[in-house]
C-alpha atoms as a PDB file:
ATOM      1  CA  LEU A   1       6.341  -0.636  11.226  1.00  0.00           C
ATOM      2  CA  PRO A   2       9.385  -2.911  11.885  1.00  0.00           C
ATOM      3  CA  GLY A   3      11.852  -0.222  12.507  1.00  0.00           C
ATOM      4  CA  GLY A   4       9.195   2.770  13.058  1.00  0.00           C
ATOM      5  CA  ASP A   5       9.832   5.770  11.361  1.00  0.00           C
ATOM      6  CA  ARG A   6      12.602   4.316   9.427  1.00  0.00           C
ATOM      7  CA  CYS A   7       9.920   2.574   7.026  1.00  0.00           C
ATOM      8  CA  ALA A   8       9.394   5.925   5.521  1.00  0.00           C
ATOM      9  CA  ARG A   9      12.496   5.891   4.429  1.00  0.00           C
ATOM     10  CA  GLU A  10      13.280   2.568   3.725  1.00  0.00           C
ATOM     11  CA  THR A  11      10.592   0.665   1.948  1.00  0.00           C
ATOM     12  CA  TRP A  12      11.690  -2.822   1.899  1.00  0.00           C
ATOM     13  CA  ARG A  13      10.870  -2.372   5.662  1.00  0.00           C
ATOM     14  CA  CYS A  14       7.511  -1.635   5.328  1.00  0.00           C
ATOM     15  CA  ALA A  15       7.142  -4.197   1.833  1.00  0.00           C
ATOM     16  CA  ALA A  16       8.472  -7.082   4.590  1.00  0.00           C
ATOM     17  CA  ALA A  17       5.731  -6.105   7.168  1.00  0.00           C
ATOM     18  CA  ALA A  18       3.115  -6.274   3.993  1.00  0.00           C
ATOM     19  CA  LEU A  19       4.496  -9.858   3.037  1.00  0.00           C
ATOM     20  CA  HIS A  20       4.104 -10.885   6.778  1.00  0.00           C
ATOM     21  CA  ALA A  21       0.539  -9.509   7.207  1.00  0.00           C
ATOM     22  CA  ALA A  22      -0.427 -11.073   3.987  1.00  0.00           C
ATOM     23  CA  GLY A  23       0.987 -14.709   5.177  1.00  0.00           C
ATOM     24  CA  LEU A  24       3.784 -14.760   2.814  1.00  0.00           C
ATOM     25  CA  GLY A  25       6.816 -13.931   5.640  1.00  0.00           C
ATOM     26  CA  SER A  26       8.653 -16.322   4.483  1.00  0.00           C
ATOM     27  CA  ARG A  27       9.593 -14.561   1.517  1.00  0.00           C
ATOM     28  CA  ILE A  28      11.143 -11.610   3.540  1.00  0.00           C
ATOM     29  CA  ALA A  29      14.833 -12.995   3.597  1.00  0.00           C
ATOM     30  CA  GLY A  30      15.099 -14.284   0.219  1.00  0.00           C
ATOM     31  CA  ARG A  31      13.189 -11.123  -1.548  1.00  0.00           C
ATOM     32  CA  PHE A  32      15.518  -8.677   0.550  1.00  0.00           C
ATOM     33  CA  ALA A  33      18.644 -10.474   0.183  1.00  0.00           C
ATOM     34  CA  THR A  34      21.077  -7.560   0.202  1.00  0.00           C
ATOM     35  CA  GLU A  35      19.596  -5.744   3.412  1.00  0.00           C
ATOM     36  CA  ALA A  36      21.616  -6.937   6.128  1.00  0.00           C
ATOM     37  CA  LEU A  37      18.911  -6.692   8.542  1.00  0.00           C
ATOM     38  CA  ALA A  38      16.035  -8.212   6.402  1.00  0.00           C
ATOM     39  CA  PRO A  39      16.680 -11.626   8.626  1.00  0.00           C
ATOM     40  CA  ALA A  40      16.199  -9.473  11.850  1.00  0.00           C
ATOM     41  CA  VAL A  41      13.271  -8.047  10.973  1.00  0.00           C
ATOM     42  CA  ALA A  42      11.645 -11.246   9.668  1.00  0.00           C
ATOM     43  CA  ARG A  43      12.129 -12.477  12.923  1.00  0.00           C
ATOM     44  CA  LEU A  44      10.756  -9.031  14.497  1.00  0.00           C
ATOM     45  CA  LEU A  45       7.681  -9.328  12.514  1.00  0.00           C
ATOM     46  CA  ASP A  46       7.319 -13.238  13.625  1.00  0.00           C
ATOM     47  CA  GLY A  47       7.816 -12.139  17.389  1.00  0.00           C
ATOM     48  CA  GLY A  48       4.890  -9.268  17.421  1.00  0.00           C
ATOM     49  CA  GLY A  49       5.484  -6.402  19.272  1.00  0.00           C
ATOM     50  CA  VAL A  50       5.802  -4.175  16.147  1.00  0.00           C
ATOM     51  CA  PRO A  51       4.082  -0.632  16.163  1.00  0.00           C
ATOM     52  CA  ALA A  52       1.191  -1.120  13.645  1.00  0.00           C
ATOM     53  CA  THR A  53      -0.269   2.074  11.074  1.00  0.00           C
ATOM     54  CA  SER A  54      -3.322   2.703   9.672  1.00  0.00           C
ATOM     55  CA  SER A  55      -1.315   5.140   7.212  1.00  0.00           C
ATOM     56  CA  ALA A  56      -2.395   4.811   3.753  1.00  0.00           C
ATOM     57  CA  GLY A  57       1.446   6.381   3.436  1.00  0.00           C
ATOM     58  CA  ARG A  58       3.123   3.195   4.855  1.00  0.00           C
ATOM     59  CA  TRP A  59       0.939   1.115   1.825  1.00  0.00           C
ATOM     60  CA  PHE A  60       2.600   2.999  -0.922  1.00  0.00           C
ATOM     61  CA  ASP A  61       6.203   2.420   0.578  1.00  0.00           C
ATOM     62  CA  ALA A  62       5.198  -1.433   1.002  1.00  0.00           C
ATOM     63  CA  ALA A  63       4.233  -1.517  -2.773  1.00  0.00           C
ATOM     64  CA  CYS A  64       7.341   0.610  -3.355  1.00  0.00           C
ATOM     65  CA  GLY A  65       9.906  -1.771  -2.170  1.00  0.00           C
ATOM     66  CA  LEU A  66       7.907  -4.784  -3.378  1.00  0.00           C
ATOM     67  CA  ALA A  67       8.811  -2.888  -6.997  1.00  0.00           C
ATOM     68  CA  GLY A  68      12.367  -2.451  -5.920  1.00  0.00           C
ATOM     69  CA  LEU A  69      11.875   1.562  -5.665  1.00  0.00           C
ATOM     70  CA  HIS A  70      14.078   3.385  -3.713  1.00  0.00           C
ATOM     71  CA  TRP A  71      14.557   0.710  -0.856  1.00  0.00           C
ATOM     72  CA  HIS A  72      16.293   3.454   0.566  1.00  0.00           C
ATOM     73  CA  ALA A  73      15.188   6.588  -0.109  1.00  0.00           C
ATOM     74  CA  HIS A  74      16.556  10.307   0.547  1.00  0.00           C
ATOM     75  CA  TYR A  75      13.277  11.936   1.522  1.00  0.00           C
ATOM     76  CA  GLU A  76      10.210  10.877   2.589  1.00  0.00           C
ATOM     77  CA  GLY A  77       7.907  10.753  -0.512  1.00  0.00           C
ATOM     78  CA  GLN A  78      10.599  10.074  -3.280  1.00  0.00           C
ATOM     79  CA  ALA A  79       9.684   6.235  -3.947  1.00  0.00           C
ATOM     80  CA  PRO A  80       5.774   6.694  -3.612  1.00  0.00           C
ATOM     81  CA  MET A  81       6.412   9.703  -5.939  1.00  0.00           C
ATOM     82  CA  ALA A  82       8.717   7.386  -8.450  1.00  0.00           C
ATOM     83  CA  LEU A  83       5.888   4.672  -8.091  1.00  0.00           C
ATOM     84  CA  GLU A  84       3.483   7.048  -9.196  1.00  0.00           C
ATOM     85  CA  ALA A  85       5.377   8.341 -12.710  1.00  0.00           C
ATOM     86  CA  LEU A  86       5.482   4.530 -13.797  1.00  0.00           C
ATOM     87  CA  VAL A  87       1.604   4.241 -13.954  1.00  0.00           C
ATOM     88  CA  ARG A  88       0.436   3.296 -17.330  1.00  0.00           C
ATOM     89  CA  THR A  89      -2.877   2.454 -16.929  1.00  0.00           C
ATOM     90  CA  THR A  90      -4.306   1.454 -13.722  1.00  0.00           C
ATOM     91  CA  GLU A  91      -5.601  -1.830 -12.971  1.00  0.00           C
ATOM     92  CA  VAL A  92      -7.939  -3.299 -10.439  1.00  0.00           C
ATOM     93  CA  VAL A  93      -7.537  -6.590  -8.696  1.00  0.00           C
ATOM     94  CA  PRO A  94     -11.063  -7.264  -7.716  1.00  0.00           C
ATOM     95  CA  ALA A  95     -10.103  -9.452  -4.996  1.00  0.00           C
ATOM     96  CA  GLY A  96      -7.293  -6.764  -3.774  1.00  0.00           C
ATOM     97  CA  TRP A  97      -9.112  -5.572  -0.967  1.00  0.00           C
ATOM     98  CA  SER A  98     -11.882  -6.161   1.899  1.00  0.00           C
ATOM     99  CA  CYS A  99     -13.826  -3.672   3.893  1.00  0.00           C
ATOM    100  CA  ASP A 100     -15.134  -6.060   6.684  1.00  0.00           C
ATOM    101  CA  GLY A 101     -15.788  -4.493  10.302  1.00  0.00           C
ATOM    102  CA  GLY A 102     -15.653  -0.978   9.074  1.00  0.00           C
ATOM    103  CA  GLY A 103     -12.384  -0.906   8.265  1.00  0.00           C
ATOM    104  CA  LEU A 104      -9.940  -1.439   4.892  1.00  0.00           C
ATOM    105  CA  ASP A 105      -7.767  -4.455   4.381  1.00  0.00           C
ATOM    106  CA  LEU A 106      -5.472  -4.480   1.608  1.00  0.00           C
ATOM    107  CA  ARG A 107      -3.500  -7.530   2.714  1.00  0.00           C
ATOM    108  CA  PRO A 108      -5.121  -9.646  -0.044  1.00  0.00           C
ATOM    109  CA  LEU A 109      -3.426  -7.186  -2.741  1.00  0.00           C
ATOM    110  CA  VAL A 110      -0.038  -7.877  -1.857  1.00  0.00           C
ATOM    111  CA  ALA A 111       0.211 -11.629  -3.345  1.00  0.00           C
ATOM    112  CA  HIS A 112      -0.603 -10.082  -6.759  1.00  0.00           C
ATOM    113  CA  LEU A 113       2.310  -7.525  -6.253  1.00  0.00           C
ATOM    114  CA  VAL A 114       4.803  -9.723  -4.884  1.00  0.00           C
ATOM    115  CA  ASP A 115       6.126 -11.243  -8.185  1.00  0.00           C
ATOM    116  CA  ALA A 116       4.853  -8.545 -10.784  1.00  0.00           C
ATOM    117  CA  ASP A 117       7.516  -6.065 -12.535  1.00  0.00           C
ATOM    118  CA  ALA A 118       8.057  -2.655 -11.360  1.00  0.00           C
ATOM    119  CA  PRO A 119       4.985  -0.697 -13.761  1.00  0.00           C
ATOM    120  CA  THR A 120       2.367  -4.001 -13.118  1.00  0.00           C
ATOM    121  CA  VAL A 121       2.774  -3.026  -9.057  1.00  0.00           C
ATOM    122  CA  ALA A 122       2.044   0.669 -10.012  1.00  0.00           C
ATOM    123  CA  ASP A 123      -0.604  -0.082 -11.814  1.00  0.00           C
ATOM    124  CA  ARG A 124      -2.374  -2.819  -9.849  1.00  0.00           C
ATOM    125  CA  PHE A 125      -1.877  -0.817  -6.393  1.00  0.00           C
ATOM    126  CA  HIS A 126      -2.585   2.737  -8.102  1.00  0.00           C
ATOM    127  CA  GLY A 127      -6.157   1.182  -9.290  1.00  0.00           C
ATOM    128  CA  THR A 128      -7.046  -1.482  -6.823  1.00  0.00           C
ATOM    129  CA  LEU A 129      -6.238   1.396  -3.733  1.00  0.00           C
ATOM    130  CA  CYS A 130      -8.441   3.484  -6.121  1.00  0.00           C
ATOM    131  CA  ALA A 131     -11.433   1.245  -6.004  1.00  0.00           C
ATOM    132  CA  ALA A 132     -10.792  -0.029  -2.726  1.00  0.00           C
ATOM    133  CA  LEU A 133     -10.797   3.315  -1.082  1.00  0.00           C
ATOM    134  CA  ALA A 134     -14.145   4.578  -3.037  1.00  0.00           C
ATOM    135  CA  ASP A 135     -15.710   1.202  -2.475  1.00  0.00           C
ATOM    136  CA  TRP A 136     -14.806   2.043   1.606  1.00  0.00           C
ATOM    137  CA  CYS A 137     -16.043   5.402   1.484  1.00  0.00           C
ATOM    138  CA  TYR A 138     -19.248   4.614  -0.498  1.00  0.00           C
ATOM    139  CA  ARG A 139     -19.765   2.082   2.065  1.00  0.00           C
ATOM    140  CA  ALA A 140     -19.230   4.324   5.213  1.00  0.00           C
ATOM    141  CA  ALA A 141     -21.512   6.967   3.085  1.00  0.00           C
ATOM    142  CA  MET A 142     -24.368   4.610   2.987  1.00  0.00           C
ATOM    143  CA  ARG A 143     -24.040   3.406   6.696  1.00  0.00           C
ATOM    144  CA  HIS A 144     -24.513   7.232   7.901  1.00  0.00           C
ATOM    145  CA  ASP A 145     -27.145   8.557   5.076  1.00  0.00           C
ATOM    146  CA  THR A 146     -24.396  10.553   3.255  1.00  0.00           C
ATOM    147  CA  ARG A 147     -23.166  12.155   0.257  1.00  0.00           C
ATOM    148  CA  VAL A 148     -20.448  14.174   0.873  1.00  0.00           C
ATOM    149  CA  VAL A 149     -17.076  12.875   1.335  1.00  0.00           C
ATOM    150  CA  ALA A 150     -13.696  14.786   2.138  1.00  0.00           C
ATOM    151  CA  LEU A 151     -10.781  13.317   0.867  1.00  0.00           C
ATOM    152  CA  SER A 152      -7.273  14.474   2.433  1.00  0.00           C
ATOM    153  CA  GLY A 153      -4.423  13.612   3.563  1.00  0.00           C
ATOM    154  CA  GLY A 154      -0.275  13.376   1.597  1.00  0.00           C
ATOM    155  CA  CYS A 155      -1.235  10.835  -0.169  1.00  0.00           C
ATOM    156  CA  PHE A 156      -3.835  12.537  -2.164  1.00  0.00           C
ATOM    157  CA  LEU A 157      -0.885  14.781  -3.522  1.00  0.00           C
ATOM    158  CA  ASN A 158      -0.811  11.504  -5.406  1.00  0.00           C
ATOM    159  CA  ARG A 159      -2.521  12.719  -8.910  1.00  0.00           C
ATOM    160  CA  VAL A 160      -3.514   8.889 -10.262  1.00  0.00           C
ATOM    161  CA  LEU A 161      -5.107   8.348  -6.911  1.00  0.00           C
ATOM    162  CA  ALA A 162      -6.699  11.523  -6.141  1.00  0.00           C
ATOM    163  CA  GLU A 163      -8.484  11.243  -9.767  1.00  0.00           C
ATOM    164  CA  GLY A 164      -8.993   7.706  -9.528  1.00  0.00           C
ATOM    165  CA  VAL A 165     -10.742   7.995  -6.405  1.00  0.00           C
ATOM    166  CA  ALA A 166     -12.674  11.427  -6.965  1.00  0.00           C
ATOM    167  CA  ALA A 167     -13.947   9.653 -10.209  1.00  0.00           C
ATOM    168  CA  ALA A 168     -14.925   6.227  -8.930  1.00  0.00           C
ATOM    169  CA  LEU A 169     -16.675   8.163  -6.178  1.00  0.00           C
ATOM    170  CA  ARG A 170     -18.830  10.642  -8.469  1.00  0.00           C
ATOM    171  CA  ALA A 171     -19.564   7.661 -10.492  1.00  0.00           C
ATOM    172  CA  ALA A 172     -21.358   6.307  -7.036  1.00  0.00           C
ATOM    173  CA  GLY A 173     -23.227   9.135  -6.953  1.00  0.00           C
END
């Protein structure tokens, strides 16, 4: 979270962090050249000590920043709602995540979003996030011998995400 809570309203910051986490930090200054603080954010990310987050919402913000949507949103959630509205047909990037060590890692997806247009980012992000969350939940359910999964949190107000994850989990039993 380079800039802490500002990330929720300045999606370019989350996108910069995602680029850095995916090993593409050298692209931050050029990608966000119109942002005066982009070089400083890149240096901050290189230096470490930036607060981490496990929030799915910040991944939505990162995807929005990569898509060029609302780099400076007027309210939290504005950019993710705009991204959801762009979804045409979801697309799963099969190598877009990993579930190693019990956690869900979306860093591999970043390389598939960085040079795409906004509708493609929306399709790939939503489709891959649905598949990744369903995979992650399925693995946890098998590990804990349960067939019940609860989906909660603000991100599940996103219809594409909620319906996509639920459908994938139902299909997996």
